[in-house]
Amino acid sequence: MDERLEKALEFSNYTLTLNNQKQNIKNRVAQLQLVHYNGGVFVANQETISFVKTMIDLDKTVDGVIIDSKDNPIRVKDYKDLLEKLVDAYVSASQEYAVEYDKLRKSRSIKSIMDW
């Protein structure tokens, strides 16, 4: 096979593998961001955290309703407890994302991508 064609094929395989691994990391982080609370499932993202924090700031600290990620109304008994769980999940998921992304970014071959 022509050397240029071989290098192009190798680069194509590397790019495909890199993109697949990036998607795997994103899927893992999405799972880590899920918070189960009072029968509901919430995504620990900046939007949800900000909304819950706003409810606390407006003194709506007990007995409220929030629509979860499955469009179900969920009674919230303690917004501060929910906020703590959301922030913990967000921080944990973000840290894992940063670590895994740094490993992936430093990988320069298919073998090194697959080894981590």
PDB file of N, CA and C in Angstrom:
ATOM      1  N   MET A   1       0.836  -1.169   0.000  1.00  0.00           N
ATOM      2  CA  MET A   1       0.000   0.000   0.000  1.00  0.00           C
ATOM      3  C   MET A   1       0.888   1.242   0.000  1.00  0.00           C
ATOM      4  N   ASP A   2       0.432   2.255  -0.669  1.00  0.00           N
ATOM      5  CA  ASP A   2       1.150   3.524  -0.730  1.00  0.00           C
ATOM      6  C   ASP A   2       1.300   4.100   0.685  1.00  0.00           C
ATOM      7  N   GLU A   3       2.484   4.648   0.974  1.00  0.00           N
ATOM      8  CA  GLU A   3       2.777   5.160   2.319  1.00  0.00           C
ATOM      9  C   GLU A   3       1.822   6.292   2.709  1.00  0.00           C
ATOM     10  N   ARG A   4       1.490   7.168   1.776  1.00  0.00           N
ATOM     11  CA  ARG A   4       0.576   8.276   2.071  1.00  0.00           C
ATOM     12  C   ARG A   4      -0.820   7.755   2.392  1.00  0.00           C
ATOM     13  N   LEU A   5      -1.237   6.764   1.648  1.00  0.00           N
ATOM     14  CA  LEU A   5      -2.552   6.171   1.887  1.00  0.00           C
ATOM     15  C   LEU A   5      -2.579   5.476   3.246  1.00  0.00           C
ATOM     16  N   GLU A   6      -1.520   4.801   3.577  1.00  0.00           N
ATOM     17  CA  GLU A   6      -1.417   4.114   4.866  1.00  0.00           C
ATOM     18  C   GLU A   6      -1.479   5.121   6.024  1.00  0.00           C
ATOM     19  N   LYS A   7      -0.757   6.234   5.889  1.00  0.00           N
ATOM     20  CA  LYS A   7      -0.776   7.268   6.929  1.00  0.00           C
ATOM     21  C   LYS A   7      -2.163   7.901   7.047  1.00  0.00           C
ATOM     22  N   ALA A   8      -2.817   8.122   5.922  1.00  0.00           N
ATOM     23  CA  ALA A   8      -4.156   8.697   5.933  1.00  0.00           C
ATOM     24  C   ALA A   8      -5.147   7.754   6.623  1.00  0.00           C
ATOM     25  N   LEU A   9      -5.031   6.470   6.338  1.00  0.00           N
ATOM     26  CA  LEU A   9      -5.887   5.472   6.965  1.00  0.00           C
ATOM     27  C   LEU A   9      -5.627   5.409   8.474  1.00  0.00           C
ATOM     28  N   GLU A  10      -4.367   5.444   8.854  1.00  0.00           N
ATOM     29  CA  GLU A  10      -3.998   5.423  10.268  1.00  0.00           C
ATOM     30  C   GLU A  10      -4.564   6.641  10.993  1.00  0.00           C
ATOM     31  N   PHE A  11      -4.450   7.822  10.377  1.00  0.00           N
ATOM     32  CA  PHE A  11      -4.978   9.044  10.981  1.00  0.00           C
ATOM     33  C   PHE A  11      -6.501   8.978  11.095  1.00  0.00           C
ATOM     34  N   SER A  12      -7.138   8.447  10.067  1.00  0.00           N
ATOM     35  CA  SER A  12      -8.587   8.311  10.086  1.00  0.00           C
ATOM     36  C   SER A  12      -9.026   7.401  11.225  1.00  0.00           C
ATOM     37  N   ASN A  13      -8.343   6.287  11.409  1.00  0.00           N
ATOM     38  CA  ASN A  13      -8.659   5.361  12.501  1.00  0.00           C
ATOM     39  C   ASN A  13      -8.429   6.026  13.857  1.00  0.00           C
ATOM     40  N   TYR A  14      -7.351   6.786  13.961  1.00  0.00           N
ATOM     41  CA  TYR A  14      -7.049   7.509  15.202  1.00  0.00           C
ATOM     42  C   TYR A  14      -8.165   8.502  15.520  1.00  0.00           C
ATOM     43  N   THR A  15      -8.588   9.269  14.527  1.00  0.00           N
ATOM     44  CA  THR A  15      -9.629  10.273  14.727  1.00  0.00           C
ATOM     45  C   THR A  15     -10.949   9.626  15.128  1.00  0.00           C
ATOM     46  N   LEU A  16     -11.307   8.544  14.478  1.00  0.00           N
ATOM     47  CA  LEU A  16     -12.535   7.827  14.794  1.00  0.00           C
ATOM     48  C   LEU A  16     -12.484   7.297  16.224  1.00  0.00           C
ATOM     49  N   THR A  17     -11.378   6.699  16.603  1.00  0.00           N
ATOM     50  CA  THR A  17     -11.222   6.167  17.955  1.00  0.00           C
ATOM     51  C   THR A  17     -11.265   7.296  18.985  1.00  0.00           C
ATOM     52  N   LEU A  18     -10.616   8.390  18.697  1.00  0.00           N
ATOM     53  CA  LEU A  18     -10.609   9.546  19.599  1.00  0.00           C
ATOM     54  C   LEU A  18     -12.029  10.074  19.810  1.00  0.00           C
ATOM     55  N   ASN A  19     -12.778  10.221  18.736  1.00  0.00           N
ATOM     56  CA  ASN A  19     -14.154  10.711  18.850  1.00  0.00           C
ATOM     57  C   ASN A  19     -15.046   9.737  19.619  1.00  0.00           C
ATOM     58  N   ASN A  20     -14.852   8.447  19.403  1.00  0.00           N
ATOM     59  CA  ASN A  20     -15.615   7.444  20.151  1.00  0.00           C
ATOM     60  C   ASN A  20     -15.315   7.527  21.643  1.00  0.00           C
ATOM     61  N   GLN A  21     -14.056   7.696  21.990  1.00  0.00           N
ATOM     62  CA  GLN A  21     -13.672   7.785  23.397  1.00  0.00           C
ATOM     63  C   GLN A  21     -14.214   9.069  24.023  1.00  0.00           C
ATOM     64  N   LYS A  22     -14.211  10.167  23.282  1.00  0.00           N
ATOM     65  CA  LYS A  22     -14.796  11.410  23.794  1.00  0.00           C
ATOM     66  C   LYS A  22     -16.277  11.212  24.098  1.00  0.00           C
ATOM     67  N   GLN A  23     -16.965  10.533  23.204  1.00  0.00           N
ATOM     68  CA  GLN A  23     -18.394  10.278  23.411  1.00  0.00           C
ATOM     69  C   GLN A  23     -18.612   9.373  24.620  1.00  0.00           C
ATOM     70  N   ASN A  24     -17.743   8.387  24.805  1.00  0.00           N
ATOM     71  CA  ASN A  24     -17.846   7.508  25.975  1.00  0.00           C
ATOM     72  C   ASN A  24     -17.675   8.288  27.270  1.00  0.00           C
ATOM     73  N   ILE A  25     -16.743   9.227  27.273  1.00  0.00           N
ATOM     74  CA  ILE A  25     -16.520  10.066  28.459  1.00  0.00           C
ATOM     75  C   ILE A  25     -17.760  10.913  28.732  1.00  0.00           C
ATOM     76  N   LYS A  26     -18.316  11.511  27.706  1.00  0.00           N
ATOM     77  CA  LYS A  26     -19.507  12.348  27.875  1.00  0.00           C
ATOM     78  C   LYS A  26     -20.680  11.528  28.414  1.00  0.00           C
ATOM     79  N   ASN A  27     -20.843  10.310  27.927  1.00  0.00           N
ATOM     80  CA  ASN A  27     -21.920   9.441  28.413  1.00  0.00           C
ATOM     81  C   ASN A  27     -21.724   9.091  29.886  1.00  0.00           C
ATOM     82  N   ARG A  28     -20.485   8.807  30.254  1.00  0.00           N
ATOM     83  CA  ARG A  28     -20.174   8.484  31.656  1.00  0.00           C
ATOM     84  C   ARG A  28     -20.462   9.685  32.556  1.00  0.00           C
ATOM     85  N   VAL A  29     -20.067  10.860  32.141  1.00  0.00           N
ATOM     86  CA  VAL A  29     -20.308  12.078  32.918  1.00  0.00           C
ATOM     87  C   VAL A  29     -21.810  12.343  33.038  1.00  0.00           C
ATOM     88  N   ALA A  30     -22.552  12.125  31.972  1.00  0.00           N
ATOM     89  CA  ALA A  30     -24.007  12.321  32.013  1.00  0.00           C
ATOM     90  C   ALA A  30     -24.648  11.413  33.057  1.00  0.00           C
ATOM     91  N   GLN A  31     -24.150  10.194  33.173  1.00  0.00           N
ATOM     92  CA  GLN A  31     -24.673   9.281  34.183  1.00  0.00           C
ATOM     93  C   GLN A  31     -24.310   9.729  35.595  1.00  0.00           C
ATOM     94  N   LEU A  32     -23.097  10.263  35.747  1.00  0.00           N
ATOM     95  CA  LEU A  32     -22.667  10.737  37.059  1.00  0.00           C
ATOM     96  C   LEU A  32     -23.436  11.974  37.502  1.00  0.00           C
ATOM     97  N   GLN A  33     -24.003  12.702  36.567  1.00  0.00           N
ATOM     98  CA  GLN A  33     -24.750  13.919  36.883  1.00  0.00           C
ATOM     99  C   GLN A  33     -26.198  13.651  37.283  1.00  0.00           C
ATOM    100  N   LEU A  34     -26.647  12.427  37.230  1.00  0.00           N
ATOM    101  CA  LEU A  34     -28.027  12.126  37.605  1.00  0.00           C
ATOM    102  C   LEU A  34     -28.149  12.043  39.123  1.00  0.00           C
ATOM    103  N   VAL A  35     -29.136  12.739  39.644  1.00  0.00           N
ATOM    104  CA  VAL A  35     -29.402  12.734  41.081  1.00  0.00           C
ATOM    105  C   VAL A  35     -30.830  12.244  41.289  1.00  0.00           C
ATOM    106  N   HIS A  36     -30.966  11.201  42.088  1.00  0.00           N
ATOM    107  CA  HIS A  36     -32.281  10.658  42.423  1.00  0.00           C
ATOM    108  C   HIS A  36     -32.720  11.282  43.742  1.00  0.00           C
ATOM    109  N   TYR A  37     -33.881  11.902  43.716  1.00  0.00           N
ATOM    110  CA  TYR A  37     -34.363  12.582  44.911  1.00  0.00           C
ATOM    111  C   TYR A  37     -35.878  12.454  44.997  1.00  0.00           C
ATOM    112  N   ASN A  38     -36.363  11.880  46.052  1.00  0.00           N
ATOM    113  CA  ASN A  38     -37.794  11.775  46.348  1.00  0.00           C
ATOM    114  C   ASN A  38     -38.591  11.191  45.168  1.00  0.00           C
ATOM    115  N   GLY A  39     -38.047  10.176  44.537  1.00  0.00           N
ATOM    116  CA  GLY A  39     -38.735   9.517  43.431  1.00  0.00           C
ATOM    117  C   GLY A  39     -38.535  10.171  42.080  1.00  0.00           C
ATOM    118  N   GLY A  40     -37.753  11.227  42.037  1.00  0.00           N
ATOM    119  CA  GLY A  40     -37.502  11.919  40.773  1.00  0.00           C
ATOM    120  C   GLY A  40     -36.051  11.791  40.359  1.00  0.00           C
ATOM    121  N   VAL A  41     -35.789  12.136  39.110  1.00  0.00           N
ATOM    122  CA  VAL A  41     -34.427  12.100  38.579  1.00  0.00           C
ATOM    123  C   VAL A  41     -34.099  13.501  38.072  1.00  0.00           C
ATOM    124  N   PHE A  42     -33.059  14.088  38.651  1.00  0.00           N
ATOM    125  CA  PHE A  42     -32.640  15.427  38.277  1.00  0.00           C
ATOM    126  C   PHE A  42     -31.242  15.387  37.683  1.00  0.00           C
ATOM    127  N   VAL A  43     -30.982  16.248  36.707  1.00  0.00           N
ATOM    128  CA  VAL A  43     -29.660  16.363  36.117  1.00  0.00           C
ATOM    129  C   VAL A  43     -28.918  17.470  36.869  1.00  0.00           C
ATOM    130  N   ALA A  44     -27.780  17.112  37.424  1.00  0.00           N
ATOM    131  CA  ALA A  44     -26.975  18.074  38.176  1.00  0.00           C
ATOM    132  C   ALA A  44     -26.180  18.921  37.191  1.00  0.00           C
ATOM    133  N   ASN A  45     -26.863  19.893  36.603  1.00  0.00           N
ATOM    134  CA  ASN A  45     -26.187  20.813  35.687  1.00  0.00           C
ATOM    135  C   ASN A  45     -26.331  22.228  36.230  1.00  0.00           C
ATOM    136  N   GLN A  46     -25.728  23.165  35.563  1.00  0.00           N
ATOM    137  CA  GLN A  46     -25.722  24.539  36.048  1.00  0.00           C
ATOM    138  C   GLN A  46     -27.142  25.118  36.118  1.00  0.00           C
ATOM    139  N   GLU A  47     -27.969  24.754  35.184  1.00  0.00           N
ATOM    140  CA  GLU A  47     -29.336  25.271  35.153  1.00  0.00           C
ATOM    141  C   GLU A  47     -30.143  24.797  36.365  1.00  0.00           C
ATOM    142  N   THR A  48     -30.097  23.517  36.642  1.00  0.00           N
ATOM    143  CA  THR A  48     -30.852  22.966  37.768  1.00  0.00           C
ATOM    144  C   THR A  48     -30.324  23.507  39.095  1.00  0.00           C
ATOM    145  N   ILE A  49     -28.997  23.552  39.214  1.00  0.00           N
ATOM    146  CA  ILE A  49     -28.393  24.080  40.442  1.00  0.00           C
ATOM    147  C   ILE A  49     -28.808  25.537  40.645  1.00  0.00           C
ATOM    148  N   SER A  50     -28.773  26.333  39.600  1.00  0.00           N
ATOM    149  CA  SER A  50     -29.159  27.743  39.700  1.00  0.00           C
ATOM    150  C   SER A  50     -30.627  27.899  40.088  1.00  0.00           C
ATOM    151  N   PHE A  51     -31.487  27.077  39.521  1.00  0.00           N
ATOM    152  CA  PHE A  51     -32.906  27.164  39.846  1.00  0.00           C
ATOM    153  C   PHE A  51     -33.157  26.843  41.313  1.00  0.00           C
ATOM    154  N   VAL A  52     -32.557  25.756  41.792  1.00  0.00           N
ATOM    155  CA  VAL A  52     -32.749  25.364  43.194  1.00  0.00           C
ATOM    156  C   VAL A  52     -32.174  26.436  44.124  1.00  0.00           C
ATOM    157  N   LYS A  53     -31.033  26.992  43.767  1.00  0.00           N
ATOM    158  CA  LYS A  53     -30.427  28.050  44.570  1.00  0.00           C
ATOM    159  C   LYS A  53     -31.323  29.292  44.586  1.00  0.00           C
ATOM    160  N   THR A  54     -31.951  29.610  43.478  1.00  0.00           N
ATOM    161  CA  THR A  54     -32.878  30.733  43.416  1.00  0.00           C
ATOM    162  C   THR A  54     -34.072  30.498  44.334  1.00  0.00           C
ATOM    163  N   MET A  55     -34.581  29.285  44.344  1.00  0.00           N
ATOM    164  CA  MET A  55     -35.694  28.963  45.232  1.00  0.00           C
ATOM    165  C   MET A  55     -35.295  29.170  46.695  1.00  0.00           C
ATOM    166  N   ILE A  56     -34.086  28.776  47.032  1.00  0.00           N
ATOM    167  CA  ILE A  56     -33.584  28.975  48.401  1.00  0.00           C
ATOM    168  C   ILE A  56     -33.462  30.468  48.693  1.00  0.00           C
ATOM    169  N   ASP A  57     -32.889  31.216  47.745  1.00  0.00           N
ATOM    170  CA  ASP A  57     -32.717  32.661  47.932  1.00  0.00           C
ATOM    171  C   ASP A  57     -34.049  33.390  48.104  1.00  0.00           C
ATOM    172  N   LEU A  58     -35.109  32.846  47.519  1.00  0.00           N
ATOM    173  CA  LEU A  58     -36.440  33.447  47.644  1.00  0.00           C
ATOM    174  C   LEU A  58     -37.207  32.901  48.851  1.00  0.00           C
ATOM    175  N   ASP A  59     -36.480  32.221  49.731  1.00  0.00           N
ATOM    176  CA  ASP A  59     -37.059  31.633  50.958  1.00  0.00           C
ATOM    177  C   ASP A  59     -38.122  30.585  50.676  1.00  0.00           C
ATOM    178  N   LYS A  60     -38.009  29.914  49.564  1.00  0.00           N
ATOM    179  CA  LYS A  60     -38.897  28.785  49.256  1.00  0.00           C
ATOM    180  C   LYS A  60     -38.163  27.511  49.654  1.00  0.00           C
ATOM    181  N   THR A  61     -37.843  27.391  50.921  1.00  0.00           N
ATOM    182  CA  THR A  61     -36.930  26.331  51.354  1.00  0.00           C
ATOM    183  C   THR A  61     -37.619  25.010  51.665  1.00  0.00           C
ATOM    184  N   VAL A  62     -38.923  25.014  51.860  1.00  0.00           N
ATOM    185  CA  VAL A  62     -39.613  23.754  52.170  1.00  0.00           C
ATOM    186  C   VAL A  62     -40.878  23.616  51.353  1.00  0.00           C
ATOM    187  N   ASP A  63     -41.237  22.368  51.114  1.00  0.00           N
ATOM    188  CA  ASP A  63     -42.500  22.005  50.466  1.00  0.00           C
ATOM    189  C   ASP A  63     -42.774  22.725  49.154  1.00  0.00           C
ATOM    190  N   GLY A  64     -42.005  22.386  48.151  1.00  0.00           N
ATOM    191  CA  GLY A  64     -42.223  22.927  46.820  1.00  0.00           C
ATOM    192  C   GLY A  64     -42.325  21.801  45.810  1.00  0.00           C
ATOM    193  N   VAL A  65     -42.483  22.160  44.561  1.00  0.00           N
ATOM    194  CA  VAL A  65     -42.560  21.178  43.478  1.00  0.00           C
ATOM    195  C   VAL A  65     -41.606  21.607  42.379  1.00  0.00           C
ATOM    196  N   ILE A  66     -40.822  20.643  41.890  1.00  0.00           N
ATOM    197  CA  ILE A  66     -39.930  20.877  40.753  1.00  0.00           C
ATOM    198  C   ILE A  66     -40.212  19.791  39.722  1.00  0.00           C
ATOM    199  N   ILE A  67     -40.195  20.165  38.470  1.00  0.00           N
ATOM    200  CA  ILE A  67     -40.356  19.192  37.386  1.00  0.00           C
ATOM    201  C   ILE A  67     -39.001  18.543  37.144  1.00  0.00           C
ATOM    202  N   ASP A  68     -38.955  17.216  37.209  1.00  0.00           N
ATOM    203  CA  ASP A  68     -37.674  16.511  37.040  1.00  0.00           C
ATOM    204  C   ASP A  68     -37.354  16.296  35.564  1.00  0.00           C
ATOM    205  N   SER A  69     -36.272  15.584  35.298  1.00  0.00           N
ATOM    206  CA  SER A  69     -35.808  15.382  33.920  1.00  0.00           C
ATOM    207  C   SER A  69     -36.734  14.497  33.092  1.00  0.00           C
ATOM    208  N   LYS A  70     -37.659  13.808  33.749  1.00  0.00           N
ATOM    209  CA  LYS A  70     -38.633  12.958  33.048  1.00  0.00           C
ATOM    210  C   LYS A  70     -39.992  13.648  32.957  1.00  0.00           C
ATOM    211  N   ASP A  71     -40.020  14.950  33.237  1.00  0.00           N
ATOM    212  CA  ASP A  71     -41.242  15.766  33.208  1.00  0.00           C
ATOM    213  C   ASP A  71     -42.283  15.335  34.242  1.00  0.00           C
ATOM    214  N   ASN A  72     -41.806  14.865  35.381  1.00  0.00           N
ATOM    215  CA  ASN A  72     -42.695  14.509  36.484  1.00  0.00           C
ATOM    216  C   ASN A  72     -42.608  15.569  37.571  1.00  0.00           C
ATOM    217  N   PRO A  73     -43.742  15.968  38.137  1.00  0.00           N
ATOM    218  CA  PRO A  73     -43.693  16.916  39.254  1.00  0.00           C
ATOM    219  C   PRO A  73     -43.233  16.179  40.521  1.00  0.00           C
ATOM    220  N   ILE A  74     -42.170  16.676  41.117  1.00  0.00           N
ATOM    221  CA  ILE A  74     -41.608  16.038  42.303  1.00  0.00           C
ATOM    222  C   ILE A  74     -41.686  17.008  43.477  1.00  0.00           C
ATOM    223  N   ARG A  75     -42.263  16.535  44.561  1.00  0.00           N
ATOM    224  CA  ARG A  75     -42.326  17.355  45.778  1.00  0.00           C
ATOM    225  C   ARG A  75     -40.939  17.421  46.403  1.00  0.00           C
ATOM    226  N   VAL A  76     -40.537  18.634  46.736  1.00  0.00           N
ATOM    227  CA  VAL A  76     -39.243  18.852  47.371  1.00  0.00           C
ATOM    228  C   VAL A  76     -39.505  19.281  48.809  1.00  0.00           C
ATOM    229  N   LYS A  77     -39.033  18.461  49.720  1.00  0.00           N
ATOM    230  CA  LYS A  77     -39.247  18.758  51.135  1.00  0.00           C
ATOM    231  C   LYS A  77     -38.190  19.713  51.674  1.00  0.00           C
ATOM    232  N   ASP A  78     -36.990  19.626  51.104  1.00  0.00           N
ATOM    233  CA  ASP A  78     -35.890  20.458  51.600  1.00  0.00           C
ATOM    234  C   ASP A  78     -34.989  20.841  50.431  1.00  0.00           C
ATOM    235  N   TYR A  79     -35.130  22.080  49.970  1.00  0.00           N
ATOM    236  CA  TYR A  79     -34.344  22.552  48.831  1.00  0.00           C
ATOM    237  C   TYR A  79     -32.843  22.531  49.121  1.00  0.00           C
ATOM    238  N   LYS A  80     -32.468  22.810  50.352  1.00  0.00           N
ATOM    239  CA  LYS A  80     -31.044  22.829  50.696  1.00  0.00           C
ATOM    240  C   LYS A  80     -30.430  21.442  50.557  1.00  0.00           C
ATOM    241  N   ASP A  81     -31.178  20.416  50.937  1.00  0.00           N
ATOM    242  CA  ASP A  81     -30.703  19.038  50.787  1.00  0.00           C
ATOM    243  C   ASP A  81     -30.545  18.688  49.309  1.00  0.00           C
ATOM    244  N   LEU A  82     -31.534  19.051  48.500  1.00  0.00           N
ATOM    245  CA  LEU A  82     -31.459  18.793  47.064  1.00  0.00           C
ATOM    246  C   LEU A  82     -30.285  19.538  46.446  1.00  0.00           C
ATOM    247  N   LEU A  83     -30.095  20.807  46.834  1.00  0.00           N
ATOM    248  CA  LEU A  83     -28.987  21.599  46.303  1.00  0.00           C
ATOM    249  C   LEU A  83     -27.645  20.947  46.632  1.00  0.00           C
ATOM    250  N   GLU A  84     -27.495  20.477  47.837  1.00  0.00           N
ATOM    251  CA  GLU A  84     -26.239  19.827  48.241  1.00  0.00           C
ATOM    252  C   GLU A  84     -25.968  18.591  47.391  1.00  0.00           C
ATOM    253  N   LYS A  85     -26.985  17.793  47.154  1.00  0.00           N
ATOM    254  CA  LYS A  85     -26.821  16.590  46.328  1.00  0.00           C
ATOM    255  C   LYS A  85     -26.482  16.955  44.882  1.00  0.00           C
ATOM    256  N   LEU A  86     -27.138  17.977  44.365  1.00  0.00           N
ATOM    257  CA  LEU A  86     -26.870  18.407  42.991  1.00  0.00           C
ATOM    258  C   LEU A  86     -25.439  18.921  42.837  1.00  0.00           C
ATOM    259  N   VAL A  87     -25.004  19.756  43.770  1.00  0.00           N
ATOM    260  CA  VAL A  87     -23.652  20.316  43.692  1.00  0.00           C
ATOM    261  C   VAL A  87     -22.609  19.216  43.835  1.00  0.00           C
ATOM    262  N   ASP A  88     -22.817  18.289  44.761  1.00  0.00           N
ATOM    263  CA  ASP A  88     -21.868  17.178  44.929  1.00  0.00           C
ATOM    264  C   ASP A  88     -21.739  16.363  43.648  1.00  0.00           C
ATOM    265  N   ALA A  89     -22.878  16.040  43.029  1.00  0.00           N
ATOM    266  CA  ALA A  89     -22.856  15.256  41.791  1.00  0.00           C
ATOM    267  C   ALA A  89     -22.187  16.035  40.665  1.00  0.00           C
ATOM    268  N   TYR A  90     -22.470  17.334  40.569  1.00  0.00           N
ATOM    269  CA  TYR A  90     -21.883  18.166  39.516  1.00  0.00           C
ATOM    270  C   TYR A  90     -20.363  18.254  39.664  1.00  0.00           C
ATOM    271  N   VAL A  91     -19.901  18.515  40.873  1.00  0.00           N
ATOM    272  CA  VAL A  91     -18.465  18.645  41.117  1.00  0.00           C
ATOM    273  C   VAL A  91     -17.756  17.328  40.836  1.00  0.00           C
ATOM    274  N   SER A  92     -18.316  16.238  41.308  1.00  0.00           N
ATOM    275  CA  SER A  92     -17.713  14.918  41.098  1.00  0.00           C
ATOM    276  C   SER A  92     -17.640  14.576  39.607  1.00  0.00           C
ATOM    277  N   ALA A  93     -18.734  14.803  38.894  1.00  0.00           N
ATOM    278  CA  ALA A  93     -18.774  14.504  37.453  1.00  0.00           C
ATOM    279  C   ALA A  93     -17.807  15.398  36.685  1.00  0.00           C
ATOM    280  N   SER A  94     -17.740  16.667  37.052  1.00  0.00           N
ATOM    281  CA  SER A  94     -16.846  17.603  36.365  1.00  0.00           C
ATOM    282  C   SER A  94     -15.387  17.246  36.578  1.00  0.00           C
ATOM    283  N   GLN A  95     -15.051  16.840  37.796  1.00  0.00           N
ATOM    284  CA  GLN A  95     -13.670  16.455  38.075  1.00  0.00           C
ATOM    285  C   GLN A  95     -13.278  15.209  37.284  1.00  0.00           C
ATOM    286  N   GLU A  96     -14.176  14.236  37.243  1.00  0.00           N
ATOM    287  CA  GLU A  96     -13.874  13.025  36.467  1.00  0.00           C
ATOM    288  C   GLU A  96     -13.750  13.359  34.983  1.00  0.00           C
ATOM    289  N   TYR A  97     -14.597  14.230  34.487  1.00  0.00           N
ATOM    290  CA  TYR A  97     -14.537  14.645  33.091  1.00  0.00           C
ATOM    291  C   TYR A  97     -13.184  15.284  32.777  1.00  0.00           C
ATOM    292  N   ALA A  98     -12.737  16.163  33.651  1.00  0.00           N
ATOM    293  CA  ALA A  98     -11.450  16.845  33.437  1.00  0.00           C
ATOM    294  C   ALA A  98     -10.294  15.850  33.428  1.00  0.00           C
ATOM    295  N   VAL A  99     -10.295  14.915  34.357  1.00  0.00           N
ATOM    296  CA  VAL A  99      -9.215  13.925  34.440  1.00  0.00           C
ATOM    297  C   VAL A  99      -9.186  13.052  33.188  1.00  0.00           C
ATOM    298  N   GLU A 100     -10.342  12.530  32.810  1.00  0.00           N
ATOM    299  CA  GLU A 100     -10.410  11.639  31.649  1.00  0.00           C
ATOM    300  C   GLU A 100     -10.109  12.387  30.351  1.00  0.00           C
ATOM    301  N   TYR A 101     -10.575  13.617  30.252  1.00  0.00           N
ATOM    302  CA  TYR A 101     -10.316  14.408  29.046  1.00  0.00           C
ATOM    303  C   TYR A 101      -8.829  14.723  28.911  1.00  0.00           C
ATOM    304  N   ASP A 102      -8.168  15.037  30.030  1.00  0.00           N
ATOM    305  CA  ASP A 102      -6.717  15.291  29.989  1.00  0.00           C
ATOM    306  C   ASP A 102      -5.954  14.052  29.529  1.00  0.00           C
ATOM    307  N   LYS A 103      -6.355  12.894  30.018  1.00  0.00           N
ATOM    308  CA  LYS A 103      -5.706  11.646  29.581  1.00  0.00           C
ATOM    309  C   LYS A 103      -5.882  11.455  28.083  1.00  0.00           C
ATOM    310  N   LEU A 104      -7.094  11.690  27.627  1.00  0.00           N
ATOM    311  CA  LEU A 104      -7.396  11.506  26.213  1.00  0.00           C
ATOM    312  C   LEU A 104      -6.649  12.517  25.349  1.00  0.00           C
ATOM    313  N   ARG A 105      -6.573  13.738  25.809  1.00  0.00           N
ATOM    314  CA  ARG A 105      -5.891  14.790  25.055  1.00  0.00           C
ATOM    315  C   ARG A 105      -4.405  14.498  24.871  1.00  0.00           C
ATOM    316  N   LYS A 106      -3.797  13.825  25.842  1.00  0.00           N
ATOM    317  CA  LYS A 106      -2.366  13.519  25.782  1.00  0.00           C
ATOM    318  C   LYS A 106      -2.065  12.271  24.950  1.00  0.00           C
ATOM    319  N   SER A 107      -3.088  11.521  24.599  1.00  0.00           N
ATOM    320  CA  SER A 107      -2.898  10.294  23.829  1.00  0.00           C
ATOM    321  C   SER A 107      -2.589  10.630  22.384  1.00  0.00           C
ATOM    322  N   ARG A 108      -1.555  10.012  21.862  1.00  0.00           N
ATOM    323  CA  ARG A 108      -1.138  10.303  20.484  1.00  0.00           C
ATOM    324  C   ARG A 108      -1.228   9.105  19.553  1.00  0.00           C
ATOM    325  N   SER A 109      -1.760   8.000  20.060  1.00  0.00           N
ATOM    326  CA  SER A 109      -1.920   6.822  19.203  1.00  0.00           C
ATOM    327  C   SER A 109      -3.175   6.069  19.629  1.00  0.00           C
ATOM    328  N   ILE A 110      -3.659   5.222  18.762  1.00  0.00           N
ATOM    329  CA  ILE A 110      -4.846   4.425  19.074  1.00  0.00           C
ATOM    330  C   ILE A 110      -4.578   3.554  20.290  1.00  0.00           C
ATOM    331  N   LYS A 111      -3.395   2.963  20.357  1.00  0.00           N
ATOM    332  CA  LYS A 111      -3.052   2.088  21.487  1.00  0.00           C
ATOM    333  C   LYS A 111      -3.105   2.860  22.806  1.00  0.00           C
ATOM    334  N   SER A 112      -2.569   4.057  22.832  1.00  0.00           N
ATOM    335  CA  SER A 112      -2.569   4.826  24.078  1.00  0.00           C
ATOM    336  C   SER A 112      -3.982   5.284  24.440  1.00  0.00           C
ATOM    337  N   ILE A 113      -4.811   5.544  23.443  1.00  0.00           N
ATOM    338  CA  ILE A 113      -6.214   5.917  23.717  1.00  0.00           C
ATOM    339  C   ILE A 113      -6.938   4.745  24.355  1.00  0.00           C
ATOM    340  N   MET A 114      -6.743   3.571  23.824  1.00  0.00           N
ATOM    341  CA  MET A 114      -7.468   2.399  24.301  1.00  0.00           C
ATOM    342  C   MET A 114      -6.929   1.881  25.627  1.00  0.00           C
ATOM    343  N   ASP A 115      -5.687   2.175  25.959  1.00  0.00           N
ATOM    344  CA  ASP A 115      -5.089   1.663  27.193  1.00  0.00           C
ATOM    345  C   ASP A 115      -5.614   2.345  28.445  1.00  0.00           C
ATOM    346  N   TRP A 116      -5.961   3.607  28.343  1.00  0.00           N
ATOM    347  CA  TRP A 116      -6.370   4.287  29.570  1.00  0.00           C
ATOM    348  C   TRP A 116      -7.717   3.819  29.994  1.00  0.00           C
TER     349      TRP A 116
END
